[in-house]
């Protein structure tokens, strides 16, 4: 774990200001909107399932389903999800695909094919490689888990529409499709950059509504 760098509530402001000194787009974000509130998810299957629920639907809809499933099962532990099975998960509002994905993750944990606690010891590439082996977990889901639950500092979720739109607004003269999917310009602080782009995008949307 010597070479693994983590993002924390304590060091996030320093990293964000460092990006702002190096890149004018983030200087603009901080001047206009200030520092975003640092948020983090808990490590474990609860957060991983929650991220899967957030795939391709609104945050509000995902929250509603998450609360319903958690309330019905008592908790989102691997054992309870596994015991519920995909059919019961579907009755709680999950699609056929997502119920199968969540069950498959729980099954992998119960059968000890996946040890979520051990991911903290792996580097970023190996964390993502271990997660994408599971059905329903692609690079976006794996990257969101790595940056939000494991606190990885140089991870960027490819294919995130809000990031694409936020980057396009901040930097209209660059190839935003490529940059919005890689964040390569902001290495080795891509997770910090992503939080700043999201911050800008959400504030812009709020200001227009």
C-alpha atoms as a PDB file:
ATOM      1  CA  UNK A   1       0.000   0.000   0.000  1.00  0.00           C
ATOM      2  CA  UNK A   2       3.039   2.313   0.006  1.00  0.00           C
ATOM      3  CA  UNK A   3       2.357   3.782  -3.434  1.00  0.00           C
ATOM      4  CA  UNK A   4      -1.413   4.084  -3.080  1.00  0.00           C
ATOM      5  CA  UNK A   5      -2.598   7.635  -2.513  1.00  0.00           C
ATOM      6  CA  UNK A   6      -5.921   8.320  -0.838  1.00  0.00           C
ATOM      7  CA  UNK A   7      -8.258  11.277  -0.956  1.00  0.00           C
ATOM      8  CA  UNK A   8      -9.638  12.331   2.428  1.00  0.00           C
ATOM      9  CA  UNK A   9     -11.767  15.191   3.808  1.00  0.00           C
ATOM     10  CA  UNK A  10      -8.558  16.636   5.250  1.00  0.00           C
ATOM     11  CA  UNK A  11      -6.444  16.679   2.078  1.00  0.00           C
ATOM     12  CA  UNK A  12      -9.190  17.309  -0.500  1.00  0.00           C
ATOM     13  CA  UNK A  13      -9.108  21.152  -0.194  1.00  0.00           C
ATOM     14  CA  UNK A  14      -5.336  21.160  -0.697  1.00  0.00           C
ATOM     15  CA  UNK A  15      -5.574  18.996  -3.817  1.00  0.00           C
ATOM     16  CA  UNK A  16      -8.464  21.048  -5.212  1.00  0.00           C
ATOM     17  CA  UNK A  17      -6.563  24.304  -4.758  1.00  0.00           C
ATOM     18  CA  UNK A  18      -3.481  22.738  -6.324  1.00  0.00           C
ATOM     19  CA  UNK A  19      -5.510  21.924  -9.431  1.00  0.00           C
ATOM     20  CA  UNK A  20      -6.879  25.468  -9.451  1.00  0.00           C
ATOM     21  CA  UNK A  21      -3.363  26.908  -9.515  1.00  0.00           C
ATOM     22  CA  UNK A  22      -2.397  24.669 -12.443  1.00  0.00           C
ATOM     23  CA  UNK A  23      -5.590  24.770 -14.534  1.00  0.00           C
ATOM     24  CA  UNK A  24      -7.663  27.901 -15.256  1.00  0.00           C
ATOM     25  CA  UNK A  25     -10.876  25.896 -15.643  1.00  0.00           C
ATOM     26  CA  UNK A  26     -10.728  24.904 -11.987  1.00  0.00           C
ATOM     27  CA  UNK A  27      -9.706  28.373 -10.883  1.00  0.00           C
ATOM     28  CA  UNK A  28     -13.001  29.453 -12.436  1.00  0.00           C
ATOM     29  CA  UNK A  29     -14.928  26.709 -10.613  1.00  0.00           C
ATOM     30  CA  UNK A  30     -13.569  27.673  -7.201  1.00  0.00           C
ATOM     31  CA  UNK A  31     -14.053  31.385  -7.829  1.00  0.00           C
ATOM     32  CA  UNK A  32     -17.619  30.888  -8.974  1.00  0.00           C
ATOM     33  CA  UNK A  33     -18.876  28.110  -6.728  1.00  0.00           C
ATOM     34  CA  UNK A  34     -16.326  27.646  -3.951  1.00  0.00           C
ATOM     35  CA  UNK A  35     -15.071  24.249  -2.741  1.00  0.00           C
ATOM     36  CA  UNK A  36     -17.553  21.375  -3.023  1.00  0.00           C
ATOM     37  CA  UNK A  37     -18.540  19.454   0.084  1.00  0.00           C
ATOM     38  CA  UNK A  38     -16.413  16.309   0.302  1.00  0.00           C
ATOM     39  CA  UNK A  39     -18.566  13.173   0.258  1.00  0.00           C
ATOM     40  CA  UNK A  40     -17.625   9.555   0.605  1.00  0.00           C
ATOM     41  CA  UNK A  41     -19.361   6.176   0.583  1.00  0.00           C
ATOM     42  CA  UNK A  42     -18.737   3.342   2.999  1.00  0.00           C
ATOM     43  CA  UNK A  43     -16.665   0.414   1.775  1.00  0.00           C
ATOM     44  CA  UNK A  44     -18.627  -2.770   1.163  1.00  0.00           C
ATOM     45  CA  UNK A  45     -21.434  -4.352  -0.777  1.00  0.00           C
ATOM     46  CA  UNK A  46     -24.035  -1.802   0.340  1.00  0.00           C
ATOM     47  CA  UNK A  47     -22.265   0.958  -1.600  1.00  0.00           C
ATOM     48  CA  UNK A  48     -21.497  -1.269  -4.569  1.00  0.00           C
ATOM     49  CA  UNK A  49     -25.166  -2.263  -4.887  1.00  0.00           C
ATOM     50  CA  UNK A  50     -26.203   1.359  -4.519  1.00  0.00           C
ATOM     51  CA  UNK A  51     -23.923   2.393  -7.382  1.00  0.00           C
ATOM     52  CA  UNK A  52     -25.434  -0.330  -9.574  1.00  0.00           C
ATOM     53  CA  UNK A  53     -28.910   0.962  -8.738  1.00  0.00           C
ATOM     54  CA  UNK A  54     -27.793   4.425  -9.896  1.00  0.00           C
ATOM     55  CA  UNK A  55     -26.846   3.154 -13.357  1.00  0.00           C
ATOM     56  CA  UNK A  56     -28.888   4.828 -16.117  1.00  0.00           C
ATOM     57  CA  UNK A  57     -31.636   6.238 -13.864  1.00  0.00           C
ATOM     58  CA  UNK A  58     -32.029   9.449 -11.904  1.00  0.00           C
ATOM     59  CA  UNK A  59     -30.461   9.808  -8.484  1.00  0.00           C
ATOM     60  CA  UNK A  60     -33.903  10.323  -6.925  1.00  0.00           C
ATOM     61  CA  UNK A  61     -35.287   7.117  -8.458  1.00  0.00           C
ATOM     62  CA  UNK A  62     -32.198   5.148  -7.383  1.00  0.00           C
ATOM     63  CA  UNK A  63     -32.520   6.503  -3.835  1.00  0.00           C
ATOM     64  CA  UNK A  64     -36.136   5.395  -3.666  1.00  0.00           C
ATOM     65  CA  UNK A  65     -35.325   1.846  -4.776  1.00  0.00           C
ATOM     66  CA  UNK A  66     -32.310   1.672  -2.473  1.00  0.00           C
ATOM     67  CA  UNK A  67     -34.378   2.669   0.567  1.00  0.00           C
ATOM     68  CA  UNK A  68     -37.106   0.172  -0.329  1.00  0.00           C
ATOM     69  CA  UNK A  69     -34.658  -2.715  -0.712  1.00  0.00           C
ATOM     70  CA  UNK A  70     -32.753  -1.840   2.444  1.00  0.00           C
ATOM     71  CA  UNK A  71     -35.966  -1.527   4.455  1.00  0.00           C
ATOM     72  CA  UNK A  72     -37.362  -4.799   3.130  1.00  0.00           C
ATOM     73  CA  UNK A  73     -34.192  -6.837   3.668  1.00  0.00           C
ATOM     74  CA  UNK A  74     -33.176  -5.148   6.927  1.00  0.00           C
ATOM     75  CA  UNK A  75     -29.736  -4.365   5.512  1.00  0.00           C
ATOM     76  CA  UNK A  76     -27.822  -4.770   2.285  1.00  0.00           C
ATOM     77  CA  UNK A  77     -25.419  -7.417   3.490  1.00  0.00           C
ATOM     78  CA  UNK A  78     -24.232 -10.074   1.076  1.00  0.00           C
ATOM     79  CA  UNK A  79     -26.000 -12.812   3.037  1.00  0.00           C
ATOM     80  CA  UNK A  80     -29.360 -11.033   2.970  1.00  0.00           C
ATOM     81  CA  UNK A  81     -29.170 -10.177  -0.721  1.00  0.00           C
ATOM     82  CA  UNK A  82     -28.116 -13.736  -1.512  1.00  0.00           C
ATOM     83  CA  UNK A  83     -30.946 -15.168   0.607  1.00  0.00           C
ATOM     84  CA  UNK A  84     -33.490 -12.888  -1.055  1.00  0.00           C
ATOM     85  CA  UNK A  85     -32.551 -14.031  -4.545  1.00  0.00           C
ATOM     86  CA  UNK A  86     -33.122 -12.203  -7.839  1.00  0.00           C
ATOM     87  CA  UNK A  87     -36.877 -12.856  -7.949  1.00  0.00           C
ATOM     88  CA  UNK A  88     -37.546 -11.096  -4.659  1.00  0.00           C
ATOM     89  CA  UNK A  89     -35.225  -8.263  -5.613  1.00  0.00           C
ATOM     90  CA  UNK A  90     -37.325  -7.711  -8.715  1.00  0.00           C
ATOM     91  CA  UNK A  91     -40.459  -7.318  -6.600  1.00  0.00           C
ATOM     92  CA  UNK A  92     -38.688  -4.470  -4.781  1.00  0.00           C
ATOM     93  CA  UNK A  93     -38.254  -2.431  -7.950  1.00  0.00           C
ATOM     94  CA  UNK A  94     -35.038  -3.697  -9.501  1.00  0.00           C
ATOM     95  CA  UNK A  95     -34.983  -4.520 -13.185  1.00  0.00           C
ATOM     96  CA  UNK A  96     -34.339  -8.103 -14.234  1.00  0.00           C
ATOM     97  CA  UNK A  97     -30.746  -7.170 -15.111  1.00  0.00           C
ATOM     98  CA  UNK A  98     -29.976  -5.269 -11.927  1.00  0.00           C
ATOM     99  CA  UNK A  99     -31.533  -7.929  -9.713  1.00  0.00           C
ATOM    100  CA  UNK A 100     -29.283 -10.494 -11.383  1.00  0.00           C
ATOM    101  CA  UNK A 101     -26.237  -8.258 -11.016  1.00  0.00           C
ATOM    102  CA  UNK A 102     -26.812  -7.550  -7.318  1.00  0.00           C
ATOM    103  CA  UNK A 103     -27.470 -11.206  -6.604  1.00  0.00           C
ATOM    104  CA  UNK A 104     -24.314 -12.179  -8.499  1.00  0.00           C
ATOM    105  CA  UNK A 105     -22.184  -9.815  -6.424  1.00  0.00           C
ATOM    106  CA  UNK A 106     -23.698 -11.130  -3.191  1.00  0.00           C
ATOM    107  CA  UNK A 107     -23.118 -14.701  -4.362  1.00  0.00           C
ATOM    108  CA  UNK A 108     -19.466 -13.927  -5.124  1.00  0.00           C
ATOM    109  CA  UNK A 109     -18.990 -12.443  -1.636  1.00  0.00           C
ATOM    110  CA  UNK A 110     -20.781 -15.314   0.118  1.00  0.00           C
ATOM    111  CA  UNK A 111     -18.748 -17.873  -1.819  1.00  0.00           C
ATOM    112  CA  UNK A 112     -15.550 -15.892  -1.060  1.00  0.00           C
ATOM    113  CA  UNK A 113     -14.739 -15.352  -4.709  1.00  0.00           C
ATOM    114  CA  UNK A 114     -14.841 -11.628  -4.012  1.00  0.00           C
ATOM    115  CA  UNK A 115     -13.323 -10.089  -0.891  1.00  0.00           C
ATOM    116  CA  UNK A 116     -14.277  -6.428  -0.929  1.00  0.00           C
ATOM    117  CA  UNK A 117     -12.144  -5.710   2.133  1.00  0.00           C
ATOM    118  CA  UNK A 118      -9.000  -6.845   0.330  1.00  0.00           C
ATOM    119  CA  UNK A 119      -9.463  -4.259  -2.440  1.00  0.00           C
ATOM    120  CA  UNK A 120      -7.949  -1.581  -0.208  1.00  0.00           C
ATOM    121  CA  UNK A 121      -4.559  -3.289  -0.614  1.00  0.00           C
ATOM    122  CA  UNK A 122      -4.645  -3.276  -4.423  1.00  0.00           C
ATOM    123  CA  UNK A 123      -3.532  -0.509  -6.746  1.00  0.00           C
ATOM    124  CA  UNK A 124      -6.122   1.355  -8.789  1.00  0.00           C
ATOM    125  CA  UNK A 125      -5.797  -0.760 -11.923  1.00  0.00           C
ATOM    126  CA  UNK A 126      -6.129  -4.029 -10.017  1.00  0.00           C
ATOM    127  CA  UNK A 127      -9.133  -2.769  -8.039  1.00  0.00           C
ATOM    128  CA  UNK A 128     -10.959  -1.967 -11.250  1.00  0.00           C
ATOM    129  CA  UNK A 129      -9.831  -5.226 -12.898  1.00  0.00           C
ATOM    130  CA  UNK A 130     -11.132  -7.259  -9.941  1.00  0.00           C
ATOM    131  CA  UNK A 131     -14.521  -5.539  -9.978  1.00  0.00           C
ATOM    132  CA  UNK A 132     -15.181  -5.631 -13.717  1.00  0.00           C
ATOM    133  CA  UNK A 133     -14.893  -9.411 -13.660  1.00  0.00           C
ATOM    134  CA  UNK A 134     -18.355  -9.448 -12.095  1.00  0.00           C
ATOM    135  CA  UNK A 135     -21.512  -9.206 -14.251  1.00  0.00           C
ATOM    136  CA  UNK A 136     -23.023  -5.733 -14.190  1.00  0.00           C
ATOM    137  CA  UNK A 137     -19.851  -3.959 -13.140  1.00  0.00           C
ATOM    138  CA  UNK A 138     -18.184  -2.032 -15.912  1.00  0.00           C
ATOM    139  CA  UNK A 139     -15.426   0.576 -15.801  1.00  0.00           C
ATOM    140  CA  UNK A 140     -17.837   3.341 -14.699  1.00  0.00           C
ATOM    141  CA  UNK A 141     -19.217   1.412 -11.712  1.00  0.00           C
ATOM    142  CA  UNK A 142     -15.780   0.135 -10.696  1.00  0.00           C
ATOM    143  CA  UNK A 143     -14.267   3.620 -10.940  1.00  0.00           C
ATOM    144  CA  UNK A 144     -17.083   5.243  -8.942  1.00  0.00           C
ATOM    145  CA  UNK A 145     -16.578   2.643  -6.206  1.00  0.00           C
ATOM    146  CA  UNK A 146     -12.803   3.122  -6.241  1.00  0.00           C
ATOM    147  CA  UNK A 147     -12.993   6.889  -5.938  1.00  0.00           C
ATOM    148  CA  UNK A 148     -15.961   7.195  -3.580  1.00  0.00           C
ATOM    149  CA  UNK A 149     -15.634   4.162  -1.299  1.00  0.00           C
ATOM    150  CA  UNK A 150     -11.893   3.520  -1.445  1.00  0.00           C
ATOM    151  CA  UNK A 151     -10.824   7.160  -1.660  1.00  0.00           C
ATOM    152  CA  UNK A 152      -8.571   6.703  -4.694  1.00  0.00           C
ATOM    153  CA  UNK A 153      -7.185  10.002  -5.939  1.00  0.00           C
ATOM    154  CA  UNK A 154      -6.375   9.250  -9.585  1.00  0.00           C
ATOM    155  CA  UNK A 155      -9.481   7.482 -10.872  1.00  0.00           C
ATOM    156  CA  UNK A 156     -11.912   8.813 -13.483  1.00  0.00           C
ATOM    157  CA  UNK A 157     -15.298   7.194 -14.329  1.00  0.00           C
ATOM    158  CA  UNK A 158     -15.480   6.845 -18.142  1.00  0.00           C
ATOM    159  CA  UNK A 159     -18.797   7.426 -19.852  1.00  0.00           C
ATOM    160  CA  UNK A 160     -20.190   9.689 -17.130  1.00  0.00           C
ATOM    161  CA  UNK A 161     -22.623  12.051 -18.892  1.00  0.00           C
ATOM    162  CA  UNK A 162     -22.403  14.763 -16.223  1.00  0.00           C
ATOM    163  CA  UNK A 163     -18.612  14.807 -16.522  1.00  0.00           C
ATOM    164  CA  UNK A 164     -18.802  15.008 -20.308  1.00  0.00           C
ATOM    165  CA  UNK A 165     -21.250  17.908 -20.144  1.00  0.00           C
ATOM    166  CA  UNK A 166     -19.344  19.651 -17.366  1.00  0.00           C
ATOM    167  CA  UNK A 167     -16.045  19.405 -19.233  1.00  0.00           C
ATOM    168  CA  UNK A 168     -17.706  20.653 -22.427  1.00  0.00           C
ATOM    169  CA  UNK A 169     -19.021  23.703 -20.573  1.00  0.00           C
ATOM    170  CA  UNK A 170     -15.705  24.479 -18.883  1.00  0.00           C
ATOM    171  CA  UNK A 171     -13.540  23.859 -21.954  1.00  0.00           C
ATOM    172  CA  UNK A 172     -15.609  24.378 -25.106  1.00  0.00           C
ATOM    173  CA  UNK A 173     -12.568  24.507 -27.405  1.00  0.00           C
ATOM    174  CA  UNK A 174     -11.106  21.085 -26.622  1.00  0.00           C
ATOM    175  CA  UNK A 175     -12.008  17.536 -27.609  1.00  0.00           C
ATOM    176  CA  UNK A 176     -14.402  17.158 -24.703  1.00  0.00           C
ATOM    177  CA  UNK A 177     -15.634  13.688 -25.651  1.00  0.00           C
ATOM    178  CA  UNK A 178     -12.153  12.233 -25.232  1.00  0.00           C
ATOM    179  CA  UNK A 179     -11.238  14.340 -22.203  1.00  0.00           C
ATOM    180  CA  UNK A 180     -14.652  13.789 -20.603  1.00  0.00           C
ATOM    181  CA  UNK A 181     -14.087  10.047 -20.759  1.00  0.00           C
ATOM    182  CA  UNK A 182     -10.489   9.981 -19.552  1.00  0.00           C
ATOM    183  CA  UNK A 183      -9.704  13.039 -17.445  1.00  0.00           C
ATOM    184  CA  UNK A 184      -6.134  12.515 -18.609  1.00  0.00           C
ATOM    185  CA  UNK A 185      -5.363  16.246 -18.522  1.00  0.00           C
ATOM    186  CA  UNK A 186      -5.661  16.223 -14.710  1.00  0.00           C
ATOM    187  CA  UNK A 187      -3.496  13.248 -13.773  1.00  0.00           C
ATOM    188  CA  UNK A 188      -2.522  12.353 -11.065  1.00  0.00           C
ATOM    189  CA  UNK A 189      -5.545  14.015  -9.394  1.00  0.00           C
ATOM    190  CA  UNK A 190      -8.347  12.888 -11.675  1.00  0.00           C
ATOM    191  CA  UNK A 191     -10.759  12.017  -8.845  1.00  0.00           C
ATOM    192  CA  UNK A 192     -10.326  15.535  -7.469  1.00  0.00           C
ATOM    193  CA  UNK A 193     -10.914  16.965 -10.936  1.00  0.00           C
ATOM    194  CA  UNK A 194     -14.054  14.853 -11.352  1.00  0.00           C
ATOM    195  CA  UNK A 195     -15.489  16.222  -8.112  1.00  0.00           C
ATOM    196  CA  UNK A 196     -14.823  19.780  -9.276  1.00  0.00           C
ATOM    197  CA  UNK A 197     -16.422  19.149 -12.676  1.00  0.00           C
ATOM    198  CA  UNK A 198     -19.505  17.593 -11.022  1.00  0.00           C
ATOM    199  CA  UNK A 199     -19.651  20.563  -8.655  1.00  0.00           C
ATOM    200  CA  UNK A 200     -19.652  22.978 -11.578  1.00  0.00           C
ATOM    201  CA  UNK A 201     -22.196  20.967 -13.578  1.00  0.00           C
ATOM    202  CA  UNK A 202     -24.684  20.644 -10.719  1.00  0.00           C
ATOM    203  CA  UNK A 203     -24.447  24.299  -9.761  1.00  0.00           C
ATOM    204  CA  UNK A 204     -24.948  25.373 -13.360  1.00  0.00           C
ATOM    205  CA  UNK A 205     -28.055  23.195 -13.637  1.00  0.00           C
ATOM    206  CA  UNK A 206     -29.423  24.562 -10.377  1.00  0.00           C
ATOM    207  CA  UNK A 207     -28.813  28.127 -11.512  1.00  0.00           C
ATOM    208  CA  UNK A 208     -30.754  27.510 -14.735  1.00  0.00           C
ATOM    209  CA  UNK A 209     -33.748  25.849 -13.063  1.00  0.00           C
END
